[in-house]
Amino acid sequence: MAIDKNFVDQFIKVTSKAALSSSYLVGKKDKIAADKAAVDSMRSELNKMNIQGKIVIGEGELDEAPMLFIGEKVGNKNGPELDIAVDPLEGTNFAANNLPGALSVIAISEKNNLLNAPETYMEKISTRVTEKNVIDLDFSVKKNISNLSDYLNKNPENITACILDRPRHTKIIDELKQLKVKLKLISDGDVSGALLVTENRHNVDIFLGIGGGPEGVLAASALDAFNCKFQGRFLFKTDEDIKRAKKMGIIDLNKKYDLKEIVRGDSIFCATGITSGDLVGGVEIKDGKFITETLVTHKNSAINILKKEVAITWLILTFAIKDLTLVPSSIG
């Protein structure tokens, strides 16, 4: 059963309003307040929808967060049963310090079709190349770059790798430098970083490294619609992490997840800009209206299902929000 395309505009509205709410706190040096504003708005909008939604990736667990916790039910209890993954403010530091790249993100699938990811780290890799045995988490950095270079018919110095600029990545970054690979180092924004492989205009050939597990699932939802490759493997540091994972149904703690094991069936992904970044522009005030840009994908297997094709929407959507009412103004 496909997810109705009418939900696309509704979920764009959810992330747009969350982005707007958070935008009032951009540059205020208070990432907690900026995050809370986005969370509160997103929860309020979700509860207006004709859905039976369950948060499978959210702002923590019941004893850690008052809003949009893992397992929370949202919607008005009518309509389809949906799994929902949220990151109301992706890039809290970006928003707090008025830096590029803050987003409000949501991903939706039918019930039981999104991997329930615990709040732990994930080793991950993404690229446009989907053929087997070119890119793999089990390969060394050198082998991945060599294979990618051969496949794309590029010298390593013409390959661009995106990676979080973290001490844990020092060894990987050093290896990439030795291979003369171009680096795009990002300080935050795990979801957007993984999505930079989707289009040639971003000039990123591979995203790799260790980031958040929940962010990996969110990124996978969009990458699936683009027919990109993504792999992830959870990393557990404590017994509590392992206990939480098993409670979510993760038995094989060393499992390498391919994209199709992370998100199955139809899905919707929306990422609305709070501050302008590589993917979308940030919230703007113009002529008394709030302008937001949203990247949205809709994988719909009901279209041309016999050919096993999917409908993909990859648009920058511009909306004017006045008095918190969403009105389409243009599509560019």
Protein backbone atom coordinates (compact mmCIF):
# COMPACT_ATOMS: atom_id res chain seq x y z
CA MET A 1 0.00 0.00 0.00
CA ALA A 2 1.46 3.36 -1.08
CA ILE A 3 1.64 6.46 1.07
CA ASP A 4 -0.87 8.97 -0.32
CA LYS A 5 0.86 11.80 -2.17
CA ASN A 6 -1.48 14.23 -0.42
CA PHE A 7 0.61 13.73 2.70
CA VAL A 8 3.62 15.34 1.01
CA ASP A 9 2.32 18.90 1.37
CA GLN A 10 1.17 18.17 4.92
CA PHE A 11 4.61 17.00 6.04
CA ILE A 12 6.26 19.95 4.27
CA LYS A 13 4.02 22.12 6.41
CA VAL A 14 5.20 20.27 9.54
CA THR A 15 8.90 20.91 8.90
CA SER A 16 8.30 24.43 7.59
CA LYS A 17 6.53 25.49 10.76
CA ALA A 18 9.18 23.83 12.93
CA ALA A 19 11.87 25.69 10.99
CA LEU A 20 10.01 28.95 11.40
CA SER A 21 9.62 28.46 15.15
CA SER A 22 13.31 27.72 15.55
CA SER A 23 14.36 30.63 13.31
CA TYR A 24 13.35 33.17 15.96
CA LEU A 25 16.21 31.83 18.09
CA VAL A 26 18.89 31.71 15.41
CA GLY A 27 22.05 33.38 16.66
CA LYS A 28 20.81 33.59 20.25
CA LYS A 29 23.49 31.16 21.53
CA ASP A 30 20.85 28.90 23.08
CA LYS A 31 20.70 25.61 21.19
CA ILE A 32 18.39 24.02 23.77
CA ALA A 33 15.76 26.73 23.34
CA ALA A 34 16.07 26.62 19.55
CA ASP A 35 15.62 22.84 19.59
CA LYS A 36 12.64 23.02 21.95
CA ALA A 37 10.91 25.55 19.73
CA ALA A 38 11.22 23.22 16.74
CA VAL A 39 10.14 20.17 18.76
CA ASP A 40 7.05 21.85 20.19
CA SER A 41 5.94 23.12 16.80
CA MET A 42 6.51 19.79 15.05
CA ARG A 43 4.59 17.88 17.70
CA SER A 44 1.67 20.30 17.52
CA GLU A 45 1.43 20.02 13.73
CA LEU A 46 1.72 16.23 13.70
CA ASN A 47 -1.13 15.93 16.17
CA LYS A 48 -3.42 17.80 13.78
CA MET A 49 -2.94 15.24 11.02
CA ASN A 50 -5.25 12.36 10.07
CA ILE A 51 -2.69 9.70 10.89
CA GLN A 52 -1.90 7.08 13.50
CA GLY A 53 1.76 7.93 13.84
CA LYS A 54 4.46 6.48 16.04
CA ILE A 55 7.80 8.18 16.64
CA VAL A 56 10.49 5.56 16.01
CA ILE A 57 13.36 8.06 16.01
CA GLY A 58 12.96 11.18 18.10
CA GLU A 59 14.35 13.44 20.77
CA GLY A 60 15.37 10.63 23.10
CA GLU A 61 13.31 8.22 25.16
CA LEU A 62 10.38 8.82 27.46
CA ASP A 63 12.50 9.54 30.54
CA GLU A 64 14.84 11.85 28.60
CA ALA A 65 12.62 14.15 26.57
CA PRO A 66 9.13 15.56 27.11
CA MET A 67 8.32 15.88 23.43
CA LEU A 68 8.60 13.54 20.44
CA PHE A 69 10.25 10.75 22.40
CA ILE A 70 10.79 7.32 20.90
CA GLY A 71 7.50 5.42 21.09
CA GLU A 72 5.30 8.52 21.36
CA LYS A 73 2.02 8.35 19.44
CA VAL A 74 1.13 11.36 17.26
CA GLY A 75 -1.79 12.27 15.03
CA ASN A 76 -5.52 12.36 15.68
CA LYS A 77 -5.82 8.54 15.69
CA ASN A 78 -7.48 8.49 12.27
CA GLY A 79 -5.91 7.49 8.97
CA PRO A 80 -2.97 5.22 8.14
CA GLU A 81 -0.48 3.81 10.63
CA LEU A 82 2.89 5.41 9.99
CA ASP A 83 6.40 5.20 11.41
CA ILE A 84 7.95 8.63 11.83
CA ALA A 85 11.57 9.65 12.31
CA VAL A 86 12.27 13.24 13.32
CA ASP A 87 15.12 15.62 13.90
CA PRO A 88 13.27 18.89 14.52
CA LEU A 89 16.57 20.78 14.62
CA GLU A 90 19.43 19.11 12.78
CA GLY A 91 22.50 21.22 13.51
CA THR A 92 21.68 22.80 16.87
CA ASN A 93 25.04 24.56 16.96
CA PHE A 94 24.41 25.99 13.50
CA ALA A 95 21.17 27.55 14.66
CA ALA A 96 22.55 28.80 17.99
CA ASN A 97 25.49 30.49 16.29
CA ASN A 98 23.75 31.57 13.07
CA LEU A 99 25.89 29.31 10.89
CA PRO A 100 24.85 27.70 7.58
CA GLY A 101 23.12 24.33 7.43
CA ALA A 102 20.51 24.11 10.21
CA LEU A 103 17.52 22.02 9.12
CA SER A 104 14.21 20.66 10.35
CA VAL A 105 13.91 17.05 9.19
CA ILE A 106 11.26 14.34 9.10
CA ALA A 107 10.97 10.92 7.42
CA ILE A 108 7.83 8.80 7.17
CA SER A 109 7.15 5.21 6.15
CA GLU A 110 4.36 2.72 6.58
CA LYS A 111 4.22 0.93 9.93
CA ASN A 112 7.26 -1.26 10.71
CA ASN A 113 9.16 -0.08 7.62
CA LEU A 114 11.72 2.20 9.31
CA LEU A 115 14.61 0.77 11.30
CA ASN A 116 14.32 1.70 14.96
CA ALA A 117 17.72 3.22 15.68
CA PRO A 118 18.95 3.66 19.25
CA GLU A 119 20.63 6.85 20.41
CA THR A 120 24.13 5.63 19.66
CA TYR A 121 26.86 6.11 17.09
CA MET A 122 26.77 4.58 13.64
CA GLU A 123 29.59 3.94 11.20
CA LYS A 124 28.23 4.96 7.81
CA ILE A 125 29.03 5.46 4.15
CA SER A 126 27.02 6.88 1.24
CA THR A 127 27.64 7.41 -2.47
CA ARG A 128 25.80 7.59 -5.80
CA VAL A 129 27.45 4.35 -6.94
CA THR A 130 25.11 1.44 -6.23
CA GLU A 131 27.00 -1.43 -7.87
CA LYS A 132 28.20 -4.13 -5.50
CA ASN A 133 31.81 -4.39 -4.39
CA VAL A 134 32.70 -0.80 -5.25
CA ILE A 135 32.04 0.90 -1.90
CA ASP A 136 31.61 -1.03 1.33
CA LEU A 137 31.93 -0.40 5.06
CA ASP A 138 34.13 -3.49 5.32
CA PHE A 139 36.67 -2.11 2.84
CA SER A 140 39.62 0.02 3.91
CA VAL A 141 39.60 3.73 3.12
CA LYS A 142 42.26 3.12 0.50
CA LYS A 143 40.28 0.35 -1.21
CA ASN A 144 37.06 2.41 -1.24
CA ILE A 145 38.82 5.38 -2.80
CA SER A 146 40.70 3.21 -5.28
CA ASN A 147 37.51 1.41 -6.35
CA LEU A 148 35.56 4.66 -6.58
CA SER A 149 38.34 6.28 -8.58
CA ASP A 150 38.37 3.40 -11.06
CA TYR A 151 34.58 3.29 -11.33
CA LEU A 152 34.20 7.03 -11.90
CA ASN A 153 37.28 7.18 -14.11
CA LYS A 154 38.73 9.90 -11.90
CA ASN A 155 42.11 10.27 -10.31
CA PRO A 156 41.97 10.19 -6.48
CA GLU A 157 42.86 13.89 -6.38
CA ASN A 158 39.60 14.57 -8.26
CA ILE A 159 37.51 12.61 -5.75
CA THR A 160 35.80 14.65 -3.00
CA ALA A 161 35.01 13.04 0.36
CA CYS A 162 32.72 14.61 2.96
CA ILE A 163 33.36 13.80 6.61
CA LEU A 164 32.58 15.27 10.01
CA ASP A 165 35.57 17.19 11.36
CA ARG A 166 35.94 15.26 14.62
CA PRO A 167 38.94 13.91 16.55
CA ARG A 168 37.57 10.39 16.04
CA HIS A 169 38.14 10.83 12.31
CA THR A 170 41.78 11.94 12.51
CA LYS A 171 43.09 8.66 11.11
CA ILE A 172 40.58 8.58 8.24
CA ILE A 173 41.25 12.23 7.36
CA ASP A 174 45.01 11.58 7.37
CA GLU A 175 44.53 8.60 5.03
CA LEU A 176 42.39 10.68 2.68
CA LYS A 177 45.05 13.39 2.61
CA GLN A 178 47.73 10.83 1.83
CA LEU A 179 45.62 9.64 -1.09
CA LYS A 180 45.32 13.29 -2.21
CA VAL A 181 41.54 13.16 -2.00
CA LYS A 182 39.74 16.51 -1.77
CA LEU A 183 38.08 17.02 1.61
CA LYS A 184 34.82 18.67 2.54
CA LEU A 185 35.01 18.85 6.32
CA ILE A 186 31.75 19.64 8.11
CA SER A 187 31.43 20.66 11.73
CA ASP A 188 27.88 19.37 12.17
CA GLY A 189 24.93 18.31 10.05
CA ASP A 190 25.18 14.54 9.79
CA VAL A 191 22.01 14.19 7.70
CA SER A 192 22.83 16.88 5.15
CA GLY A 193 26.42 15.63 4.82
CA ALA A 194 25.24 12.18 3.73
CA LEU A 195 22.84 13.74 1.22
CA LEU A 196 25.53 15.72 -0.59
CA VAL A 197 26.26 12.65 -2.72
CA THR A 198 22.81 12.80 -4.34
CA GLU A 199 23.56 15.39 -7.01
CA ASN A 200 26.63 16.26 -9.06
CA ARG A 201 26.17 19.95 -8.28
CA HIS A 202 27.24 19.33 -4.67
CA ASN A 203 30.56 17.95 -5.94
CA VAL A 204 30.77 15.24 -3.26
CA ASP A 205 31.55 11.68 -4.32
CA ILE A 206 31.50 9.90 -0.97
CA PHE A 207 30.39 10.54 2.59
CA LEU A 208 31.93 8.44 5.33
CA GLY A 209 32.73 8.27 9.02
CA ILE A 210 30.99 7.89 12.35
CA GLY A 211 27.91 9.89 13.25
CA GLY A 212 24.54 9.50 14.90
CA GLY A 213 22.52 6.34 14.30
CA PRO A 214 19.17 8.14 14.14
CA GLU A 215 20.60 10.61 11.62
CA GLY A 216 21.72 7.66 9.52
CA VAL A 217 18.16 6.39 9.25
CA LEU A 218 16.84 9.84 8.32
CA ALA A 219 19.45 10.24 5.58
CA ALA A 220 18.77 6.72 4.29
CA SER A 221 15.12 7.61 3.70
CA ALA A 222 16.08 10.33 1.21
CA LEU A 223 18.98 8.37 -0.30
CA ASP A 224 16.59 5.50 -1.02
CA ALA A 225 14.45 7.76 -3.20
CA PHE A 226 17.55 8.87 -5.10
CA ASN A 227 18.64 5.27 -5.66
CA CYS A 228 21.94 5.95 -3.90
CA LYS A 229 23.98 3.56 -1.77
CA PHE A 230 24.08 3.71 2.01
CA GLN A 231 25.44 1.35 4.62
CA GLY A 232 25.45 1.72 8.38
CA ARG A 233 26.65 -0.23 11.39
CA PHE A 234 25.85 0.67 14.99
CA LEU A 235 28.67 1.18 17.47
CA PHE A 236 27.89 0.42 21.10
CA LYS A 237 30.08 1.80 23.87
CA THR A 238 28.20 0.82 27.01
CA ASP A 239 26.07 -2.02 28.35
CA GLU A 240 23.18 0.44 28.52
CA ASP A 241 23.54 1.11 24.78
CA ILE A 242 23.38 -2.62 24.10
CA LYS A 243 20.39 -3.09 26.39
CA ARG A 244 18.51 -0.28 24.62
CA ALA A 245 19.33 -1.73 21.20
CA LYS A 246 18.10 -5.20 22.13
CA LYS A 247 14.91 -3.68 23.48
CA MET A 248 14.38 -2.18 20.01
CA GLY A 249 14.81 -5.58 18.40
CA ILE A 250 18.46 -5.32 17.35
CA ILE A 251 19.93 -8.77 18.01
CA ASP A 252 23.06 -8.83 15.84
CA LEU A 253 25.09 -5.98 17.34
CA ASN A 254 27.70 -6.13 14.56
CA LYS A 255 25.26 -6.19 11.67
CA LYS A 256 26.02 -4.09 8.59
CA TYR A 257 22.75 -2.57 7.37
CA ASP A 258 22.20 -1.88 3.71
CA LEU A 259 19.80 0.85 2.70
CA LYS A 260 16.92 -1.52 1.92
CA GLU A 261 17.14 -2.91 5.46
CA ILE A 262 16.88 0.58 6.97
CA VAL A 263 13.91 1.88 5.02
CA ARG A 264 11.46 -0.41 3.25
CA GLY A 265 8.55 0.36 0.98
CA ASP A 266 7.23 3.83 0.32
CA SER A 267 8.48 6.89 2.14
CA ILE A 268 8.41 10.67 2.39
CA PHE A 269 11.38 12.77 3.46
CA CYS A 270 11.32 16.52 4.14
CA ALA A 271 14.18 18.80 5.15
CA THR A 272 13.37 22.49 5.58
CA GLY A 273 16.17 25.03 5.88
CA ILE A 274 16.46 27.10 9.04
CA THR A 275 19.76 28.71 8.08
CA SER A 276 20.91 28.55 4.45
CA GLY A 277 23.23 25.68 3.58
CA ASP A 278 24.28 23.36 0.76
CA LEU A 279 20.88 21.69 0.40
CA VAL A 280 18.31 24.45 0.90
CA GLY A 281 17.99 28.09 1.83
CA GLY A 282 17.09 29.22 5.33
CA VAL A 283 14.01 30.99 6.64
CA GLU A 284 13.64 34.49 5.22
CA ILE A 285 11.28 37.36 5.99
CA LYS A 286 10.17 39.17 2.87
CA ASP A 287 7.28 41.57 2.38
CA GLY A 288 5.82 40.58 5.72
CA LYS A 289 5.90 36.89 4.87
CA PHE A 290 8.12 34.02 5.98
CA ILE A 291 9.76 32.16 3.12
CA THR A 292 11.01 28.59 3.64
CA GLU A 293 12.70 26.11 1.31
CA THR A 294 12.15 22.39 1.64
CA LEU A 295 13.87 19.44 0.03
CA VAL A 296 11.30 16.69 -0.31
CA THR A 297 11.41 13.16 -1.71
CA HIS A 298 8.45 10.86 -2.17
CA LYS A 299 9.08 7.25 -3.04
CA ASN A 300 5.83 5.87 -4.42
CA SER A 301 5.96 2.27 -5.63
CA ALA A 302 2.33 2.39 -6.76
CA ILE A 303 3.48 4.27 -9.84
CA ASN A 304 4.73 1.98 -12.64
CA ILE A 305 4.90 -0.81 -10.11
CA LEU A 306 5.23 -3.45 -12.83
CA LYS A 307 8.49 -1.82 -13.91
CA LYS A 308 9.58 -1.60 -10.29
CA GLU A 309 10.07 2.13 -10.65
CA VAL A 310 9.46 4.84 -8.10
CA ALA A 311 8.26 8.40 -8.35
CA ILE A 312 10.84 10.80 -7.02
CA THR A 313 10.23 14.44 -6.22
CA TRP A 314 13.46 16.41 -5.89
CA LEU A 315 12.37 20.02 -5.74
CA ILE A 316 13.24 23.12 -3.85
CA LEU A 317 9.79 24.21 -2.71
CA THR A 318 9.24 27.80 -1.66
CA PHE A 319 6.35 28.67 0.62
CA ALA A 320 5.10 31.90 2.03
CA ILE A 321 3.89 31.56 5.60
CA LYS A 322 1.75 34.38 6.92
CA ASP A 323 0.08 34.15 10.29
CA LEU A 324 1.37 30.57 10.39
CA THR A 325 -0.75 29.58 7.37
CA LEU A 326 1.16 27.77 4.62
CA VAL A 327 0.49 29.12 1.14
CA PRO A 328 2.42 27.93 -1.94
CA SER A 329 4.07 30.89 -3.62
CA SER A 330 6.36 29.33 -6.21
CA ILE A 331 8.29 26.23 -7.19
CA GLY A 332 11.82 26.65 -8.43
